[in-house]
Amino acid sequence: ISMEQSSIRGKVTGVPVGCACGDGVVD
């Protein structure tokens, strides 16, 4: 999940696709 996508955290139940693995918030 990109930093931009993370701004909607808690407001939606999922997203269709994410960003490239390693570019986002997941460790």
PDB file of all heavy atoms in Angstrom:
ATOM      1  N   ILE A   1       0.850  -1.191   0.000  1.00  0.00           N
ATOM      2  CA  ILE A   1       0.000   0.000   0.000  1.00  0.00           C
ATOM      3  C   ILE A   1       0.882   1.236   0.000  1.00  0.00           C
ATOM      4  O   ILE A   1       1.728   1.410   0.888  1.00  0.00           O
ATOM      5  CB  ILE A   1      -0.932   0.018   1.232  1.00  0.00           C
ATOM      6  CG1 ILE A   1      -1.845  -1.206   1.246  1.00  0.00           C
ATOM      7  CG2 ILE A   1      -1.745   1.307   1.269  1.00  0.00           C
ATOM      8  CD1 ILE A   1      -2.823  -1.280   0.089  1.00  0.00           C
ATOM      9  N   SER A   2       0.689   2.092  -0.994  1.00  0.00           N
ATOM     10  CA  SER A   2       1.498   3.306  -1.091  1.00  0.00           C
ATOM     11  C   SER A   2       1.121   4.284   0.009  1.00  0.00           C
ATOM     12  O   SER A   2       0.050   4.185   0.624  1.00  0.00           O
ATOM     13  CB  SER A   2       1.287   3.973  -2.458  1.00  0.00           C
ATOM     14  OG  SER A   2      -0.036   4.486  -2.551  1.00  0.00           O
ATOM     15  N   MET A   3       1.996   5.254   0.244  1.00  0.00           N
ATOM     16  CA  MET A   3       1.690   6.281   1.239  1.00  0.00           C
ATOM     17  C   MET A   3       0.424   7.043   0.845  1.00  0.00           C
ATOM     18  O   MET A   3      -0.384   7.409   1.703  1.00  0.00           O
ATOM     19  CB  MET A   3       2.871   7.243   1.382  1.00  0.00           C
ATOM     20  CG  MET A   3       4.114   6.608   2.003  1.00  0.00           C
ATOM     21  SD  MET A   3       3.770   5.856   3.626  1.00  0.00           S
ATOM     22  CE  MET A   3       3.304   7.313   4.565  1.00  0.00           C
ATOM     23  N   GLU A   4       0.230   7.265  -0.435  1.00  0.00           N
ATOM     24  CA  GLU A   4      -0.978   7.956  -0.891  1.00  0.00           C
ATOM     25  C   GLU A   4      -2.225   7.127  -0.585  1.00  0.00           C
ATOM     26  O   GLU A   4      -3.227   7.647  -0.085  1.00  0.00           O
ATOM     27  CB  GLU A   4      -0.883   8.222  -2.394  1.00  0.00           C
ATOM     28  CG  GLU A   4      -2.084   8.963  -2.960  1.00  0.00           C
ATOM     29  CD  GLU A   4      -1.961   9.201  -4.455  1.00  0.00           C
ATOM     30  OE1 GLU A   4      -1.007   8.682  -5.075  1.00  0.00           O
ATOM     31  OE2 GLU A   4      -2.836   9.887  -5.008  1.00  0.00           O
ATOM     32  N   GLN A   5      -2.158   5.834  -0.880  1.00  0.00           N
ATOM     33  CA  GLN A   5      -3.294   4.958  -0.584  1.00  0.00           C
ATOM     34  C   GLN A   5      -3.558   4.869   0.912  1.00  0.00           C
ATOM     35  O   GLN A   5      -4.702   4.741   1.349  1.00  0.00           O
ATOM     36  CB  GLN A   5      -3.032   3.550  -1.135  1.00  0.00           C
ATOM     37  CG  GLN A   5      -3.141   3.401  -2.645  1.00  0.00           C
ATOM     38  CD  GLN A   5      -2.753   2.023  -3.106  1.00  0.00           C
ATOM     39  OE1 GLN A   5      -1.689   1.514  -2.752  1.00  0.00           O
ATOM     40  NE2 GLN A   5      -3.607   1.396  -3.897  1.00  0.00           N
ATOM     41  N   SER A   6      -2.497   4.922   1.710  1.00  0.00           N
ATOM     42  CA  SER A   6      -2.655   4.741   3.157  1.00  0.00           C
ATOM     43  C   SER A   6      -3.475   5.854   3.803  1.00  0.00           C
ATOM     44  O   SER A   6      -3.943   5.715   4.933  1.00  0.00           O
ATOM     45  CB  SER A   6      -1.291   4.635   3.835  1.00  0.00           C
ATOM     46  OG  SER A   6      -0.587   5.861   3.781  1.00  0.00           O
ATOM     47  N   SER A   7      -3.678   6.944   3.079  1.00  0.00           N
ATOM     48  CA  SER A   7      -4.479   8.042   3.623  1.00  0.00           C
ATOM     49  C   SER A   7      -5.948   7.659   3.797  1.00  0.00           C
ATOM     50  O   SER A   7      -6.685   8.314   4.537  1.00  0.00           O
ATOM     51  CB  SER A   7      -4.387   9.276   2.717  1.00  0.00           C
ATOM     52  OG  SER A   7      -4.980   9.011   1.451  1.00  0.00           O
ATOM     53  N   ILE A   8      -6.393   6.598   3.121  1.00  0.00           N
ATOM     54  CA  ILE A   8      -7.782   6.150   3.253  1.00  0.00           C
ATOM     55  C   ILE A   8      -7.885   4.946   4.192  1.00  0.00           C
ATOM     56  O   ILE A   8      -8.925   4.302   4.266  1.00  0.00           O
ATOM     57  CB  ILE A   8      -8.404   5.816   1.883  1.00  0.00           C
ATOM     58  CG1 ILE A   8      -7.593   4.723   1.165  1.00  0.00           C
ATOM     59  CG2 ILE A   8      -8.530   7.059   1.028  1.00  0.00           C
ATOM     60  CD1 ILE A   8      -8.265   4.217  -0.108  1.00  0.00           C
ATOM     61  N   ARG A   9      -6.811   4.672   4.930  1.00  0.00           N
ATOM     62  CA  ARG A   9      -6.842   3.549   5.859  1.00  0.00           C
ATOM     63  C   ARG A   9      -7.975   3.736   6.875  1.00  0.00           C
ATOM     64  O   ARG A   9      -8.152   4.802   7.441  1.00  0.00           O
ATOM     65  CB  ARG A   9      -5.507   3.422   6.595  1.00  0.00           C
ATOM     66  CG  ARG A   9      -5.411   2.151   7.421  1.00  0.00           C
ATOM     67  CD  ARG A   9      -4.117   2.043   8.175  1.00  0.00           C
ATOM     68  NE  ARG A   9      -3.985   0.705   8.750  1.00  0.00           N
ATOM     69  CZ  ARG A   9      -3.157   0.390   9.744  1.00  0.00           C
ATOM     70  NH1 ARG A   9      -2.382   1.318  10.269  1.00  0.00           N
ATOM     71  NH2 ARG A   9      -3.117  -0.842  10.188  1.00  0.00           N
ATOM     72  N   GLY A  10      -8.730   2.672   7.092  1.00  0.00           N
ATOM     73  CA  GLY A  10      -9.840   2.708   8.023  1.00  0.00           C
ATOM     74  C   GLY A  10     -11.130   3.228   7.430  1.00  0.00           C
ATOM     75  O   GLY A  10     -12.188   3.153   8.057  1.00  0.00           O
ATOM     76  N   LYS A  11     -11.060   3.728   6.195  1.00  0.00           N
ATOM     77  CA  LYS A  11     -12.247   4.271   5.538  1.00  0.00           C
ATOM     78  C   LYS A  11     -12.809   3.336   4.476  1.00  0.00           C
ATOM     79  O   LYS A  11     -13.930   3.519   4.007  1.00  0.00           O
ATOM     80  CB  LYS A  11     -11.919   5.622   4.896  1.00  0.00           C
ATOM     81  CG  LYS A  11     -11.425   6.672   5.887  1.00  0.00           C
ATOM     82  CD  LYS A  11     -11.012   7.948   5.170  1.00  0.00           C
ATOM     83  CE  LYS A  11     -10.418   8.956   6.154  1.00  0.00           C
ATOM     84  NZ  LYS A  11      -9.950  10.184   5.456  1.00  0.00           N
ATOM     85  N   VAL A  12     -12.010   2.350   4.057  1.00  0.00           N
ATOM     86  CA  VAL A  12     -12.431   1.368   3.055  1.00  0.00           C
ATOM     87  C   VAL A  12     -12.069  -0.015   3.563  1.00  0.00           C
ATOM     88  O   VAL A  12     -11.296  -0.168   4.518  1.00  0.00           O
ATOM     89  CB  VAL A  12     -11.767   1.623   1.684  1.00  0.00           C
ATOM     90  CG1 VAL A  12     -12.210   2.950   1.099  1.00  0.00           C
ATOM     91  CG2 VAL A  12     -10.236   1.571   1.795  1.00  0.00           C
ATOM     92  N   THR A  13     -12.606  -1.045   2.907  1.00  0.00           N
ATOM     93  CA  THR A  13     -12.340  -2.418   3.356  1.00  0.00           C
ATOM     94  C   THR A  13     -11.301  -3.129   2.509  1.00  0.00           C
ATOM     95  O   THR A  13     -10.942  -4.266   2.792  1.00  0.00           O
ATOM     96  CB  THR A  13     -13.636  -3.249   3.328  1.00  0.00           C
ATOM     97  OG1 THR A  13     -14.117  -3.319   1.977  1.00  0.00           O
ATOM     98  CG2 THR A  13     -14.695  -2.632   4.214  1.00  0.00           C
ATOM     99  N   GLY A  14     -10.810  -2.483   1.469  1.00  0.00           N
ATOM    100  CA  GLY A  14      -9.804  -3.098   0.617  1.00  0.00           C
ATOM    101  C   GLY A  14      -9.552  -2.214  -0.589  1.00  0.00           C
ATOM    102  O   GLY A  14     -10.248  -1.218  -0.813  1.00  0.00           O
ATOM    103  N   VAL A  15      -8.531  -2.568  -1.347  1.00  0.00           N
ATOM    104  CA  VAL A  15      -8.237  -1.873  -2.598  1.00  0.00           C
ATOM    105  C   VAL A  15      -8.018  -2.933  -3.672  1.00  0.00           C
ATOM    106  O   VAL A  15      -7.557  -4.033  -3.381  1.00  0.00           O
ATOM    107  CB  VAL A  15      -6.972  -0.973  -2.478  1.00  0.00           C
ATOM    108  CG1 VAL A  15      -7.254   0.227  -1.604  1.00  0.00           C
ATOM    109  CG2 VAL A  15      -5.776  -1.757  -1.940  1.00  0.00           C
ATOM    110  N   PRO A  16      -8.359  -2.636  -4.941  1.00  0.00           N
ATOM    111  CA  PRO A  16      -8.250  -3.651  -5.988  1.00  0.00           C
ATOM    112  C   PRO A  16      -6.815  -4.101  -6.238  1.00  0.00           C
ATOM    113  O   PRO A  16      -6.552  -5.295  -6.430  1.00  0.00           O
ATOM    114  CB  PRO A  16      -8.856  -2.969  -7.218  1.00  0.00           C
ATOM    115  CG  PRO A  16      -8.788  -1.507  -6.932  1.00  0.00           C
ATOM    116  CD  PRO A  16      -8.940  -1.377  -5.449  1.00  0.00           C
ATOM    117  N   VAL A  17      -5.891  -3.164  -6.262  1.00  0.00           N
ATOM    118  CA  VAL A  17      -4.472  -3.492  -6.427  1.00  0.00           C
ATOM    119  C   VAL A  17      -3.662  -2.523  -5.579  1.00  0.00           C
ATOM    120  O   VAL A  17      -4.144  -1.461  -5.194  1.00  0.00           O
ATOM    121  CB  VAL A  17      -4.001  -3.400  -7.897  1.00  0.00           C
ATOM    122  CG1 VAL A  17      -4.628  -4.486  -8.745  1.00  0.00           C
ATOM    123  CG2 VAL A  17      -4.294  -2.023  -8.481  1.00  0.00           C
ATOM    124  N   GLY A  18      -2.414  -2.901  -5.298  1.00  0.00           N
ATOM    125  CA  GLY A  18      -1.541  -2.036  -4.530  1.00  0.00           C
ATOM    126  C   GLY A  18      -0.465  -1.418  -5.405  1.00  0.00           C
ATOM    127  O   GLY A  18      -0.568  -1.392  -6.630  1.00  0.00           O
ATOM    128  N   CYS A  19       0.583  -0.940  -4.757  1.00  0.00           N
ATOM    129  CA  CYS A  19       1.746  -0.420  -5.464  1.00  0.00           C
ATOM    130  C   CYS A  19       2.774  -1.546  -5.589  1.00  0.00           C
ATOM    131  O   CYS A  19       2.518  -2.686  -5.198  1.00  0.00           O
ATOM    132  CB  CYS A  19       2.326   0.772  -4.715  1.00  0.00           C
ATOM    133  SG  CYS A  19       2.942   0.366  -3.054  1.00  0.00           S
ATOM    134  N   ALA A  20       3.931  -1.252  -6.111  1.00  0.00           N
ATOM    135  CA  ALA A  20       4.991  -2.254  -6.183  1.00  0.00           C
ATOM    136  C   ALA A  20       5.423  -2.646  -4.773  1.00  0.00           C
ATOM    137  O   ALA A  20       5.555  -1.792  -3.894  1.00  0.00           O
ATOM    138  CB  ALA A  20       6.179  -1.708  -6.967  1.00  0.00           C
ATOM    139  N   CYS A  21       5.624  -3.936  -4.561  1.00  0.00           N
ATOM    140  CA  CYS A  21       6.112  -4.392  -3.262  1.00  0.00           C
ATOM    141  C   CYS A  21       7.476  -3.773  -2.990  1.00  0.00           C
ATOM    142  O   CYS A  21       8.377  -3.842  -3.828  1.00  0.00           O
ATOM    143  CB  CYS A  21       6.213  -5.916  -3.241  1.00  0.00           C
ATOM    144  SG  CYS A  21       4.622  -6.755  -3.365  1.00  0.00           S
ATOM    145  N   GLY A  22       7.611  -3.170  -1.820  1.00  0.00           N
ATOM    146  CA  GLY A  22       8.832  -2.463  -1.473  1.00  0.00           C
ATOM    147  C   GLY A  22       8.714  -0.967  -1.594  1.00  0.00           C
ATOM    148  O   GLY A  22       9.535  -0.224  -1.047  1.00  0.00           O
ATOM    149  N   ASP A  23       7.676  -0.497  -2.298  1.00  0.00           N
ATOM    150  CA  ASP A  23       7.458   0.942  -2.453  1.00  0.00           C
ATOM    151  C   ASP A  23       6.483   1.492  -1.422  1.00  0.00           C
ATOM    152  O   ASP A  23       6.294   2.714  -1.341  1.00  0.00           O
ATOM    153  CB  ASP A  23       6.892   1.258  -3.841  1.00  0.00           C
ATOM    154  CG  ASP A  23       7.928   1.153  -4.941  1.00  0.00           C
ATOM    155  OD1 ASP A  23       9.109   0.900  -4.626  1.00  0.00           O
ATOM    156  OD2 ASP A  23       7.555   1.317  -6.117  1.00  0.00           O
ATOM    157  N   GLY A  24       5.854   0.608  -0.638  1.00  0.00           N
ATOM    158  CA  GLY A  24       4.793   1.045   0.255  1.00  0.00           C
ATOM    159  C   GLY A  24       5.089   0.822   1.724  1.00  0.00           C
ATOM    160  O   GLY A  24       6.248   0.801   2.154  1.00  0.00           O
ATOM    161  N   VAL A  25       4.028   0.603   2.485  1.00  0.00           N
ATOM    162  CA  VAL A  25       4.111   0.586   3.943  1.00  0.00           C
ATOM    163  C   VAL A  25       4.393  -0.785   4.536  1.00  0.00           C
ATOM    164  O   VAL A  25       4.714  -0.891   5.721  1.00  0.00           O
ATOM    165  CB  VAL A  25       2.792   1.123   4.549  1.00  0.00           C
ATOM    166  CG1 VAL A  25       2.537   2.551   4.107  1.00  0.00           C
ATOM    167  CG2 VAL A  25       1.605   0.222   4.173  1.00  0.00           C
ATOM    168  N   VAL A  26       4.277  -1.844   3.749  1.00  0.00           N
ATOM    169  CA  VAL A  26       4.419  -3.200   4.288  1.00  0.00           C
ATOM    170  C   VAL A  26       5.889  -3.541   4.514  1.00  0.00           C
ATOM    171  O   VAL A  26       6.747  -3.304   3.655  1.00  0.00           O
ATOM    172  CB  VAL A  26       3.772  -4.238   3.347  1.00  0.00           C
ATOM    173  CG1 VAL A  26       4.016  -5.668   3.857  1.00  0.00           C
ATOM    174  CG2 VAL A  26       2.268  -3.981   3.223  1.00  0.00           C
ATOM    175  N   ASP A  27       6.181  -4.109   5.691  1.00  0.00           N
ATOM    176  CA  ASP A  27       7.523  -4.590   6.022  1.00  0.00           C
ATOM    177  C   ASP A  27       7.635  -6.019   5.498  1.00  0.00           C
ATOM    178  O   ASP A  27       7.258  -6.982   6.180  1.00  0.00           O
ATOM    179  CB  ASP A  27       7.717  -4.549   7.543  1.00  0.00           C
ATOM    180  CG  ASP A  27       9.120  -4.966   7.969  1.00  0.00           C
ATOM    181  OD1 ASP A  27       9.833  -5.612   7.172  1.00  0.00           O
ATOM    182  OD2 ASP A  27       9.485  -4.680   9.132  1.00  0.00           O
TER     183      ASP A  27
END
